[in-house]
PDB file of N, CA and C in Angstrom:
ATOM      1  N   UNK A   1      -6.752  14.374   8.281  1.00  0.00           N
ATOM      2  CA  UNK A   1      -6.948  12.624   7.319  1.00  0.00           C
ATOM      3  C   UNK A   1      -7.801  11.738   8.185  1.00  0.00           C
ATOM      4  N   UNK A   2      -8.830  11.494   8.289  1.00  0.00           N
ATOM      5  CA  UNK A   2      -9.425  10.380   8.797  1.00  0.00           C
ATOM      6  C   UNK A   2      -8.717   8.469   8.616  1.00  0.00           C
ATOM      7  N   UNK A   3      -8.599   7.753   9.044  1.00  0.00           N
ATOM      8  CA  UNK A   3      -8.481   6.526   9.218  1.00  0.00           C
ATOM      9  C   UNK A   3      -9.399   5.853   8.050  1.00  0.00           C
ATOM     10  N   UNK A   4      -8.689   5.172   6.894  1.00  0.00           N
ATOM     11  CA  UNK A   4     -10.394   4.206   5.999  1.00  0.00           C
ATOM     12  C   UNK A   4     -10.634   5.591   5.368  1.00  0.00           C
ATOM     13  N   UNK A   5      -9.974   6.805   5.305  1.00  0.00           N
ATOM     14  CA  UNK A   5     -10.818   7.334   4.021  1.00  0.00           C
ATOM     15  C   UNK A   5     -10.416   7.230   2.214  1.00  0.00           C
ATOM     16  N   UNK A   6     -11.189   8.064   2.024  1.00  0.00           N
ATOM     17  CA  UNK A   6     -10.577   8.207   0.483  1.00  0.00           C
ATOM     18  C   UNK A   6      -9.524   8.386   0.192  1.00  0.00           C
ATOM     19  N   UNK A   7      -9.632  10.169   1.046  1.00  0.00           N
ATOM     20  CA  UNK A   7      -8.402  10.800   1.226  1.00  0.00           C
ATOM     21  C   UNK A   7      -7.117   9.881   1.318  1.00  0.00           C
ATOM     22  N   UNK A   8      -6.895   8.990   2.427  1.00  0.00           N
ATOM     23  CA  UNK A   8      -5.607   8.500   2.415  1.00  0.00           C
ATOM     24  C   UNK A   8      -5.786   7.543   1.498  1.00  0.00           C
ATOM     25  N   UNK A   9      -7.062   6.296   0.256  1.00  0.00           N
ATOM     26  CA  UNK A   9      -5.971   5.341  -0.308  1.00  0.00           C
ATOM     27  C   UNK A   9      -5.948   6.416  -1.679  1.00  0.00           C
ATOM     28  N   UNK A  10      -6.057   7.680  -1.514  1.00  0.00           N
ATOM     29  CA  UNK A  10      -5.619   8.450  -3.064  1.00  0.00           C
ATOM     30  C   UNK A  10      -4.373   9.410  -2.450  1.00  0.00           C
ATOM     31  N   UNK A  11      -3.923   9.195  -0.860  1.00  0.00           N
ATOM     32  CA  UNK A  11      -2.630   9.285  -0.729  1.00  0.00           C
ATOM     33  C   UNK A  11      -1.949   8.225  -1.406  1.00  0.00           C
ATOM     34  N   UNK A  12      -1.839   7.283  -0.261  1.00  0.00           N
ATOM     35  CA  UNK A  12      -1.066   5.843  -1.238  1.00  0.00           C
ATOM     36  C   UNK A  12      -1.279   5.623  -2.648  1.00  0.00           C
ATOM     37  N   UNK A  13      -2.085   5.705  -3.393  1.00  0.00           N
ATOM     38  CA  UNK A  13      -2.036   5.856  -4.582  1.00  0.00           C
ATOM     39  C   UNK A  13      -1.179   6.664  -5.905  1.00  0.00           C
ATOM     40  N   UNK A  14      -1.279   7.605  -4.611  1.00  0.00           N
ATOM     41  CA  UNK A  14      -0.131   8.643  -5.434  1.00  0.00           C
ATOM     42  C   UNK A  14       1.141   8.390  -5.484  1.00  0.00           C
ATOM     43  N   UNK A  15       1.626   8.560  -3.915  1.00  0.00           N
ATOM     44  CA  UNK A  15       2.830   8.292  -4.139  1.00  0.00           C
ATOM     45  C   UNK A  15       3.523   6.618  -4.163  1.00  0.00           C
ATOM     46  N   UNK A  16       2.023   5.727  -4.435  1.00  0.00           N
ATOM     47  CA  UNK A  16       3.261   4.550  -4.976  1.00  0.00           C
ATOM     48  C   UNK A  16       3.269   4.947  -6.295  1.00  0.00           C
ATOM     49  N   UNK A  17       2.187   5.591  -6.986  1.00  0.00           N
ATOM     50  CA  UNK A  17       2.540   6.233  -8.549  1.00  0.00           C
ATOM     51  C   UNK A  17       3.950   6.543  -9.016  1.00  0.00           C
ATOM     52  N   UNK A  18       4.168   7.757  -8.404  1.00  0.00           N
ATOM     53  CA  UNK A  18       5.005   9.023  -8.167  1.00  0.00           C
ATOM     54  C   UNK A  18       6.590   8.288  -8.036  1.00  0.00           C
ATOM     55  N   UNK A  19       6.321   7.591  -6.501  1.00  0.00           N
ATOM     56  CA  UNK A  19       7.730   7.138  -6.022  1.00  0.00           C
ATOM     57  C   UNK A  19       8.214   6.112  -6.506  1.00  0.00           C
ATOM     58  N   UNK A  20       7.367   4.981  -7.220  1.00  0.00           N
ATOM     59  CA  UNK A  20       8.098   3.824  -7.077  1.00  0.00           C
ATOM     60  C   UNK A  20       7.091   3.690  -9.175  1.00  0.00           C
ATOM     61  N   UNK A  21       7.216   5.053  -9.751  1.00  0.00           N
ATOM     62  CA  UNK A  21       6.873   4.677 -10.816  1.00  0.00           C
ATOM     63  C   UNK A  21       6.197   3.593 -11.250  1.00  0.00           C
ATOM     64  N   UNK A  22       4.939   3.108 -10.641  1.00  0.00           N
ATOM     65  CA  UNK A  22       4.025   2.263 -11.045  1.00  0.00           C
ATOM     66  C   UNK A  22       3.278   2.126 -12.328  1.00  0.00           C
ATOM     67  N   UNK A  23       3.343   0.972 -12.705  1.00  0.00           N
ATOM     68  CA  UNK A  23       2.553   0.857 -13.729  1.00  0.00           C
ATOM     69  C   UNK A  23       1.232   0.660 -13.790  1.00  0.00           C
ATOM     70  N   UNK A  24       0.938   0.310 -12.511  1.00  0.00           N
ATOM     71  CA  UNK A  24      -0.684  -0.549 -12.015  1.00  0.00           C
ATOM     72  C   UNK A  24      -0.285  -0.215 -10.915  1.00  0.00           C
ATOM     73  N   UNK A  25      -1.501   0.405  -9.972  1.00  0.00           N
ATOM     74  CA  UNK A  25      -2.259   0.238  -8.782  1.00  0.00           C
ATOM     75  C   UNK A  25      -3.061  -0.257  -8.314  1.00  0.00           C
ATOM     76  N   UNK A  26      -3.108  -0.945  -7.566  1.00  0.00           N
ATOM     77  CA  UNK A  26      -4.889  -0.730  -7.070  1.00  0.00           C
ATOM     78  C   UNK A  26      -4.723  -0.758  -5.196  1.00  0.00           C
ATOM     79  N   UNK A  27      -5.851  -0.132  -5.286  1.00  0.00           N
ATOM     80  CA  UNK A  27      -5.816   0.287  -2.925  1.00  0.00           C
ATOM     81  C   UNK A  27      -6.841  -0.515  -2.758  1.00  0.00           C
ATOM     82  N   UNK A  28      -7.196  -1.286  -2.047  1.00  0.00           N
ATOM     83  CA  UNK A  28      -8.320  -1.839  -1.157  1.00  0.00           C
ATOM     84  C   UNK A  28      -8.049  -1.505  -0.121  1.00  0.00           C
ATOM     85  N   UNK A  29      -9.534  -0.427  -0.149  1.00  0.00           N
ATOM     86  CA  UNK A  29      -9.848  -0.510   1.620  1.00  0.00           C
ATOM     87  C   UNK A  29     -10.535  -1.143   1.994  1.00  0.00           C
ATOM     88  N   UNK A  30     -10.092  -1.815   3.616  1.00  0.00           N
ATOM     89  CA  UNK A  30     -10.572  -3.040   4.351  1.00  0.00           C
ATOM     90  C   UNK A  30     -11.135  -2.475   5.425  1.00  0.00           C
ATOM     91  N   UNK A  31     -11.210  -0.944   6.294  1.00  0.00           N
ATOM     92  CA  UNK A  31     -10.988  -0.732   7.134  1.00  0.00           C
ATOM     93  C   UNK A  31     -12.474  -0.957   8.054  1.00  0.00           C
ATOM     94  N   UNK A  32     -13.114  -1.159   6.717  1.00  0.00           N
ATOM     95  CA  UNK A  32     -14.879  -1.369   7.164  1.00  0.00           C
ATOM     96  C   UNK A  32     -14.717  -2.907   8.157  1.00  0.00           C
ATOM     97  N   UNK A  33     -13.481  -3.859   7.697  1.00  0.00           N
ATOM     98  CA  UNK A  33     -13.537  -5.352   8.324  1.00  0.00           C
ATOM     99  C   UNK A  33     -13.388  -4.690   9.730  1.00  0.00           C
ATOM    100  N   UNK A  34     -12.702  -4.222  10.719  1.00  0.00           N
ATOM    101  CA  UNK A  34     -11.853  -3.717  11.583  1.00  0.00           C
ATOM    102  C   UNK A  34     -12.338  -2.158  12.268  1.00  0.00           C
ATOM    103  N   UNK A  35     -14.065  -2.150  12.056  1.00  0.00           N
ATOM    104  CA  UNK A  35     -14.750  -1.620  12.576  1.00  0.00           C
ATOM    105  C   UNK A  35     -15.078  -1.697  14.286  1.00  0.00           C
ATOM    106  N   UNK A  36     -14.589  -0.801  15.122  1.00  0.00           N
ATOM    107  CA  UNK A  36     -14.527  -1.380  16.139  1.00  0.00           C
ATOM    108  C   UNK A  36     -13.057  -1.785  16.986  1.00  0.00           C
ATOM    109  N   UNK A  37     -12.283  -2.131  16.196  1.00  0.00           N
ATOM    110  CA  UNK A  37     -10.640  -3.032  16.513  1.00  0.00           C
ATOM    111  C   UNK A  37     -10.218  -2.529  17.341  1.00  0.00           C
ATOM    112  N   UNK A  38      -9.817  -2.243  18.302  1.00  0.00           N
ATOM    113  CA  UNK A  38      -9.568  -1.402  19.373  1.00  0.00           C
ATOM    114  C   UNK A  38      -7.948  -1.562  19.129  1.00  0.00           C
ATOM    115  N   UNK A  39      -7.214  -1.549  18.623  1.00  0.00           N
ATOM    116  CA  UNK A  39      -5.505  -1.784  17.998  1.00  0.00           C
ATOM    117  C   UNK A  39      -5.532  -0.763  16.789  1.00  0.00           C
ATOM    118  N   UNK A  40      -6.852  -1.174  16.121  1.00  0.00           N
ATOM    119  CA  UNK A  40      -7.137  -0.135  14.918  1.00  0.00           C
ATOM    120  C   UNK A  40      -6.398   1.108  15.210  1.00  0.00           C
ATOM    121  N   UNK A  41      -6.618   1.753  16.634  1.00  0.00           N
ATOM    122  CA  UNK A  41      -6.682   3.146  16.745  1.00  0.00           C
ATOM    123  C   UNK A  41      -7.302   4.205  15.987  1.00  0.00           C
ATOM    124  N   UNK A  42      -7.394   3.997  14.976  1.00  0.00           N
ATOM    125  CA  UNK A  42      -8.099   5.107  13.895  1.00  0.00           C
ATOM    126  C   UNK A  42      -7.872   5.380  12.600  1.00  0.00           C
ATOM    127  N   UNK A  43      -6.228   4.042  12.119  1.00  0.00           N
ATOM    128  CA  UNK A  43      -5.893   3.715  11.070  1.00  0.00           C
ATOM    129  C   UNK A  43      -6.655   2.761  10.251  1.00  0.00           C
ATOM    130  N   UNK A  44      -6.830   3.022   9.043  1.00  0.00           N
ATOM    131  CA  UNK A  44      -7.023   2.194   8.397  1.00  0.00           C
ATOM    132  C   UNK A  44      -6.191   1.216   7.523  1.00  0.00           C
ATOM    133  N   UNK A  45      -7.204   0.188   6.877  1.00  0.00           N
ATOM    134  CA  UNK A  45      -6.228  -1.023   6.655  1.00  0.00           C
ATOM    135  C   UNK A  45      -6.549  -1.272   5.344  1.00  0.00           C
ATOM    136  N   UNK A  46      -5.370  -1.444   4.814  1.00  0.00           N
ATOM    137  CA  UNK A  46      -5.474  -1.184   3.255  1.00  0.00           C
ATOM    138  C   UNK A  46      -4.414  -2.234   2.371  1.00  0.00           C
ATOM    139  N   UNK A  47      -5.163  -2.733   1.332  1.00  0.00           N
ATOM    140  CA  UNK A  47      -4.396  -3.851   0.737  1.00  0.00           C
ATOM    141  C   UNK A  47      -3.673  -3.062  -0.915  1.00  0.00           C
ATOM    142  N   UNK A  48      -2.650  -3.220  -0.913  1.00  0.00           N
ATOM    143  CA  UNK A  48      -1.580  -2.694  -2.219  1.00  0.00           C
ATOM    144  C   UNK A  48      -1.606  -3.785  -3.093  1.00  0.00           C
ATOM    145  N   UNK A  49      -2.299  -3.785  -4.319  1.00  0.00           N
ATOM    146  CA  UNK A  49      -1.386  -4.373  -5.294  1.00  0.00           C
ATOM    147  C   UNK A  49      -0.997  -3.297  -6.409  1.00  0.00           C
ATOM    148  N   UNK A  50       0.743  -3.711  -6.905  1.00  0.00           N
ATOM    149  CA  UNK A  50       1.753  -2.411  -7.385  1.00  0.00           C
ATOM    150  C   UNK A  50       2.077  -3.386  -8.481  1.00  0.00           C
ATOM    151  N   UNK A  51       2.478  -2.683  -9.518  1.00  0.00           N
ATOM    152  CA  UNK A  51       3.393  -3.312 -10.672  1.00  0.00           C
ATOM    153  C   UNK A  51       4.515  -2.153 -10.879  1.00  0.00           C
ATOM    154  N   UNK A  52       5.922  -2.551 -10.666  1.00  0.00           N
ATOM    155  CA  UNK A  52       6.587  -1.304 -10.785  1.00  0.00           C
ATOM    156  C   UNK A  52       8.288  -1.915 -11.624  1.00  0.00           C
ATOM    157  N   UNK A  53       8.466  -1.071 -12.987  1.00  0.00           N
ATOM    158  CA  UNK A  53      10.020  -2.314 -13.159  1.00  0.00           C
ATOM    159  C   UNK A  53      11.292  -1.953 -12.027  1.00  0.00           C
ATOM    160  N   UNK A  54      10.902  -1.203 -10.676  1.00  0.00           N
ATOM    161  CA  UNK A  54      12.082  -0.683 -10.076  1.00  0.00           C
ATOM    162  C   UNK A  54      12.103  -2.074  -9.033  1.00  0.00           C
ATOM    163  N   UNK A  55      10.541  -3.308  -9.549  1.00  0.00           N
ATOM    164  CA  UNK A  55      11.182  -4.219  -8.342  1.00  0.00           C
ATOM    165  C   UNK A  55      11.902  -5.309  -9.447  1.00  0.00           C
ATOM    166  N   UNK A  56      11.721  -5.007 -10.414  1.00  0.00           N
ATOM    167  CA  UNK A  56      13.191  -6.307 -11.361  1.00  0.00           C
ATOM    168  C   UNK A  56      14.498  -6.704 -10.346  1.00  0.00           C
ATOM    169  N   UNK A  57      14.117  -8.093 -10.036  1.00  0.00           N
ATOM    170  CA  UNK A  57      15.795  -8.075  -8.949  1.00  0.00           C
ATOM    171  C   UNK A  57      15.783  -7.785  -7.783  1.00  0.00           C
ATOM    172  N   UNK A  58      14.466  -7.556  -7.294  1.00  0.00           N
ATOM    173  CA  UNK A  58      14.785  -7.318  -5.885  1.00  0.00           C
ATOM    174  C   UNK A  58      13.693  -8.000  -5.094  1.00  0.00           C
ATOM    175  N   UNK A  59      13.827  -9.166  -4.183  1.00  0.00           N
ATOM    176  CA  UNK A  59      13.371 -10.056  -3.504  1.00  0.00           C
ATOM    177  C   UNK A  59      12.195  -9.310  -2.701  1.00  0.00           C
ATOM    178  N   UNK A  60      11.262 -10.614  -3.002  1.00  0.00           N
ATOM    179  CA  UNK A  60       9.862  -9.931  -1.713  1.00  0.00           C
ATOM    180  C   UNK A  60       9.984  -9.045  -1.007  1.00  0.00           C
ATOM    181  N   UNK A  61      10.488  -9.424  -0.094  1.00  0.00           N
ATOM    182  CA  UNK A  61      10.663  -8.779   1.311  1.00  0.00           C
ATOM    183  C   UNK A  61      11.247  -7.127   1.240  1.00  0.00           C
ATOM    184  N   UNK A  62      12.031  -6.604  -0.074  1.00  0.00           N
ATOM    185  CA  UNK A  62      12.762  -5.694   0.118  1.00  0.00           C
ATOM    186  C   UNK A  62      12.051  -4.818  -0.715  1.00  0.00           C
ATOM    187  N   UNK A  63      11.240  -5.822  -1.806  1.00  0.00           N
ATOM    188  CA  UNK A  63      10.241  -5.137  -1.926  1.00  0.00           C
ATOM    189  C   UNK A  63       8.797  -4.745  -1.616  1.00  0.00           C
ATOM    190  N   UNK A  64       8.726  -4.833  -0.678  1.00  0.00           N
ATOM    191  CA  UNK A  64       7.695  -4.797   0.792  1.00  0.00           C
ATOM    192  C   UNK A  64       8.376  -3.379   1.587  1.00  0.00           C
ATOM    193  N   UNK A  65       9.588  -3.549   1.839  1.00  0.00           N
ATOM    194  CA  UNK A  65      10.163  -2.641   2.639  1.00  0.00           C
ATOM    195  C   UNK A  65      10.139  -1.053   1.347  1.00  0.00           C
ATOM    196  N   UNK A  66      10.272  -1.303   0.242  1.00  0.00           N
ATOM    197  CA  UNK A  66      10.462  -0.313  -0.819  1.00  0.00           C
ATOM    198  C   UNK A  66       9.212   0.550  -0.156  1.00  0.00           C
ATOM    199  N   UNK A  67       7.713  -0.009  -0.280  1.00  0.00           N
ATOM    200  CA  UNK A  67       5.998   0.394  -0.598  1.00  0.00           C
ATOM    201  C   UNK A  67       6.398   0.752   1.098  1.00  0.00           C
ATOM    202  N   UNK A  68       6.646   0.661   2.489  1.00  0.00           N
ATOM    203  CA  UNK A  68       6.492   0.582   3.720  1.00  0.00           C
ATOM    204  C   UNK A  68       7.462   1.841   3.734  1.00  0.00           C
ATOM    205  N   UNK A  69       8.719   2.044   3.396  1.00  0.00           N
ATOM    206  CA  UNK A  69       9.245   3.327   3.490  1.00  0.00           C
ATOM    207  C   UNK A  69       7.971   4.628   2.961  1.00  0.00           C
ATOM    208  N   UNK A  70       7.718   4.332   2.292  1.00  0.00           N
ATOM    209  CA  UNK A  70       6.804   5.389   1.673  1.00  0.00           C
ATOM    210  C   UNK A  70       5.739   6.213   2.209  1.00  0.00           C
ATOM    211  N   UNK A  71       5.582   5.119   3.428  1.00  0.00           N
ATOM    212  CA  UNK A  71       4.303   5.559   4.431  1.00  0.00           C
ATOM    213  C   UNK A  71       4.763   5.991   6.013  1.00  0.00           C
ATOM    214  N   UNK A  72       5.888   5.486   6.033  1.00  0.00           N
ATOM    215  CA  UNK A  72       6.396   4.994   7.853  1.00  0.00           C
ATOM    216  C   UNK A  72       6.250   6.740   8.761  1.00  0.00           C
ATOM    217  N   UNK A  73       5.855   8.155   8.080  1.00  0.00           N
ATOM    218  CA  UNK A  73       4.744   8.981   8.663  1.00  0.00           C
ATOM    219  C   UNK A  73       3.604   8.667   9.139  1.00  0.00           C
ATOM    220  N   UNK A  74       2.842   7.567   8.289  1.00  0.00           N
ATOM    221  CA  UNK A  74       1.544   8.068   7.892  1.00  0.00           C
ATOM    222  C   UNK A  74       0.606   6.491   9.075  1.00  0.00           C
ATOM    223  N   UNK A  75       1.795   5.655   9.624  1.00  0.00           N
ATOM    224  CA  UNK A  75       1.663   4.488   9.963  1.00  0.00           C
ATOM    225  C   UNK A  75       1.333   5.220  11.522  1.00  0.00           C
ATOM    226  N   UNK A  76       0.103   4.334  12.354  1.00  0.00           N
ATOM    227  CA  UNK A  76      -0.447   5.025  13.118  1.00  0.00           C
ATOM    228  C   UNK A  76      -1.259   5.841  13.182  1.00  0.00           C
ATOM    229  N   UNK A  77      -1.055   6.579  11.743  1.00  0.00           N
ATOM    230  CA  UNK A  77      -2.543   7.303  12.094  1.00  0.00           C
ATOM    231  C   UNK A  77      -3.183   7.350  11.506  1.00  0.00           C
ATOM    232  N   UNK A  78      -3.004   7.352   9.926  1.00  0.00           N
ATOM    233  CA  UNK A  78      -3.950   7.349   8.879  1.00  0.00           C
ATOM    234  C   UNK A  78      -4.168   6.180   8.474  1.00  0.00           C
ATOM    235  N   UNK A  79      -2.413   5.151   8.393  1.00  0.00           N
ATOM    236  CA  UNK A  79      -2.513   3.620   8.222  1.00  0.00           C
ATOM    237  C   UNK A  79      -2.232   2.890   9.488  1.00  0.00           C
ATOM    238  N   UNK A  80      -3.768   1.886   9.652  1.00  0.00           N
ATOM    239  CA  UNK A  80      -2.586   1.420  10.240  1.00  0.00           C
ATOM    240  C   UNK A  80      -2.058  -0.480  10.468  1.00  0.00           C
ATOM    241  N   UNK A  81      -2.801  -0.385   9.235  1.00  0.00           N
ATOM    242  CA  UNK A  81      -2.200  -1.730   8.503  1.00  0.00           C
ATOM    243  C   UNK A  81      -1.809  -1.823   7.005  1.00  0.00           C
ATOM    244  N   UNK A  82      -0.976  -2.329   6.058  1.00  0.00           N
ATOM    245  CA  UNK A  82      -0.844  -2.222   4.937  1.00  0.00           C
ATOM    246  C   UNK A  82      -0.975  -3.811   4.805  1.00  0.00           C
ATOM    247  N   UNK A  83      -0.923  -4.165   3.609  1.00  0.00           N
ATOM    248  CA  UNK A  83      -1.024  -5.565   3.000  1.00  0.00           C
ATOM    249  C   UNK A  83      -0.414  -5.223   1.340  1.00  0.00           C
ATOM    250  N   UNK A  84       0.726  -5.926   1.347  1.00  0.00           N
ATOM    251  CA  UNK A  84       1.259  -5.862  -0.129  1.00  0.00           C
ATOM    252  C   UNK A  84       1.476  -6.472  -0.853  1.00  0.00           C
ATOM    253  N   UNK A  85       1.284  -6.579  -2.457  1.00  0.00           N
ATOM    254  CA  UNK A  85       1.639  -6.996  -3.527  1.00  0.00           C
ATOM    255  C   UNK A  85       2.269  -6.802  -4.114  1.00  0.00           C
ATOM    256  N   UNK A  86       3.578  -6.682  -4.085  1.00  0.00           N
ATOM    257  CA  UNK A  86       4.449  -5.793  -5.434  1.00  0.00           C
ATOM    258  C   UNK A  86       4.896  -6.878  -6.451  1.00  0.00           C
ATOM    259  N   UNK A  87       4.620  -6.529  -7.505  1.00  0.00           N
ATOM    260  CA  UNK A  87       4.980  -7.502  -8.791  1.00  0.00           C
ATOM    261  C   UNK A  87       6.176  -6.813  -9.711  1.00  0.00           C
ATOM    262  N   UNK A  88       6.549  -7.257 -10.451  1.00  0.00           N
ATOM    263  CA  UNK A  88       7.418  -6.806 -11.469  1.00  0.00           C
ATOM    264  C   UNK A  88       6.146  -6.759 -12.995  1.00  0.00           C
ATOM    265  N   UNK A  89       6.763  -5.961 -13.984  1.00  0.00           N
ATOM    266  CA  UNK A  89       5.924  -6.043 -15.438  1.00  0.00           C
ATOM    267  C   UNK A  89       5.712  -7.651 -15.645  1.00  0.00           C
ATOM    268  N   UNK A  90       6.760  -8.668 -15.463  1.00  0.00           N
ATOM    269  CA  UNK A  90       7.118  -9.491 -16.169  1.00  0.00           C
ATOM    270  C   UNK A  90       6.011 -10.479 -15.330  1.00  0.00           C
ATOM    271  N   UNK A  91       5.954 -10.250 -13.975  1.00  0.00           N
ATOM    272  CA  UNK A  91       5.380 -11.104 -13.180  1.00  0.00           C
ATOM    273  C   UNK A  91       3.534 -11.009 -12.722  1.00  0.00           C
ATOM    274  N   UNK A  92       3.251  -9.696 -13.541  1.00  0.00           N
ATOM    275  CA  UNK A  92       1.831  -9.380 -13.983  1.00  0.00           C
ATOM    276  C   UNK A  92       1.454  -9.680 -14.652  1.00  0.00           C
ATOM    277  N   UNK A  93       2.145  -9.697 -15.799  1.00  0.00           N
ATOM    278  CA  UNK A  93       1.214 -10.324 -17.350  1.00  0.00           C
ATOM    279  C   UNK A  93       1.008 -11.464 -17.157  1.00  0.00           C
ATOM    280  N   UNK A  94       2.009 -12.475 -16.508  1.00  0.00           N
ATOM    281  CA  UNK A  94       1.976 -13.693 -16.397  1.00  0.00           C
ATOM    282  C   UNK A  94       0.922 -14.301 -15.037  1.00  0.00           C
ATOM    283  N   UNK A  95       0.560 -13.689 -14.229  1.00  0.00           N
ATOM    284  CA  UNK A  95      -0.556 -13.919 -13.089  1.00  0.00           C
ATOM    285  C   UNK A  95      -2.395 -13.597 -13.477  1.00  0.00           C
TER     286      UNK A  95
END
């Protein structure tokens, strides 16, 4: 799987939706901004916005850890960087 590909974006969407029971997910592929960046190593750069009831009562850092854990096996390969915005349904509706 090539970094920054549609395949990787779909993988992220599927895993977050299924494993975190996401009510809303948006995955933005920003790999094009890092083309030729040696440190990228071929993995993509993604922004993830996810809304899940599973984030209720969970501190922000722990929410990010929940999402990162889903992709440990893909980091440094298909995924080089993730930027995460993890919200509860209440936070999402008031933003």
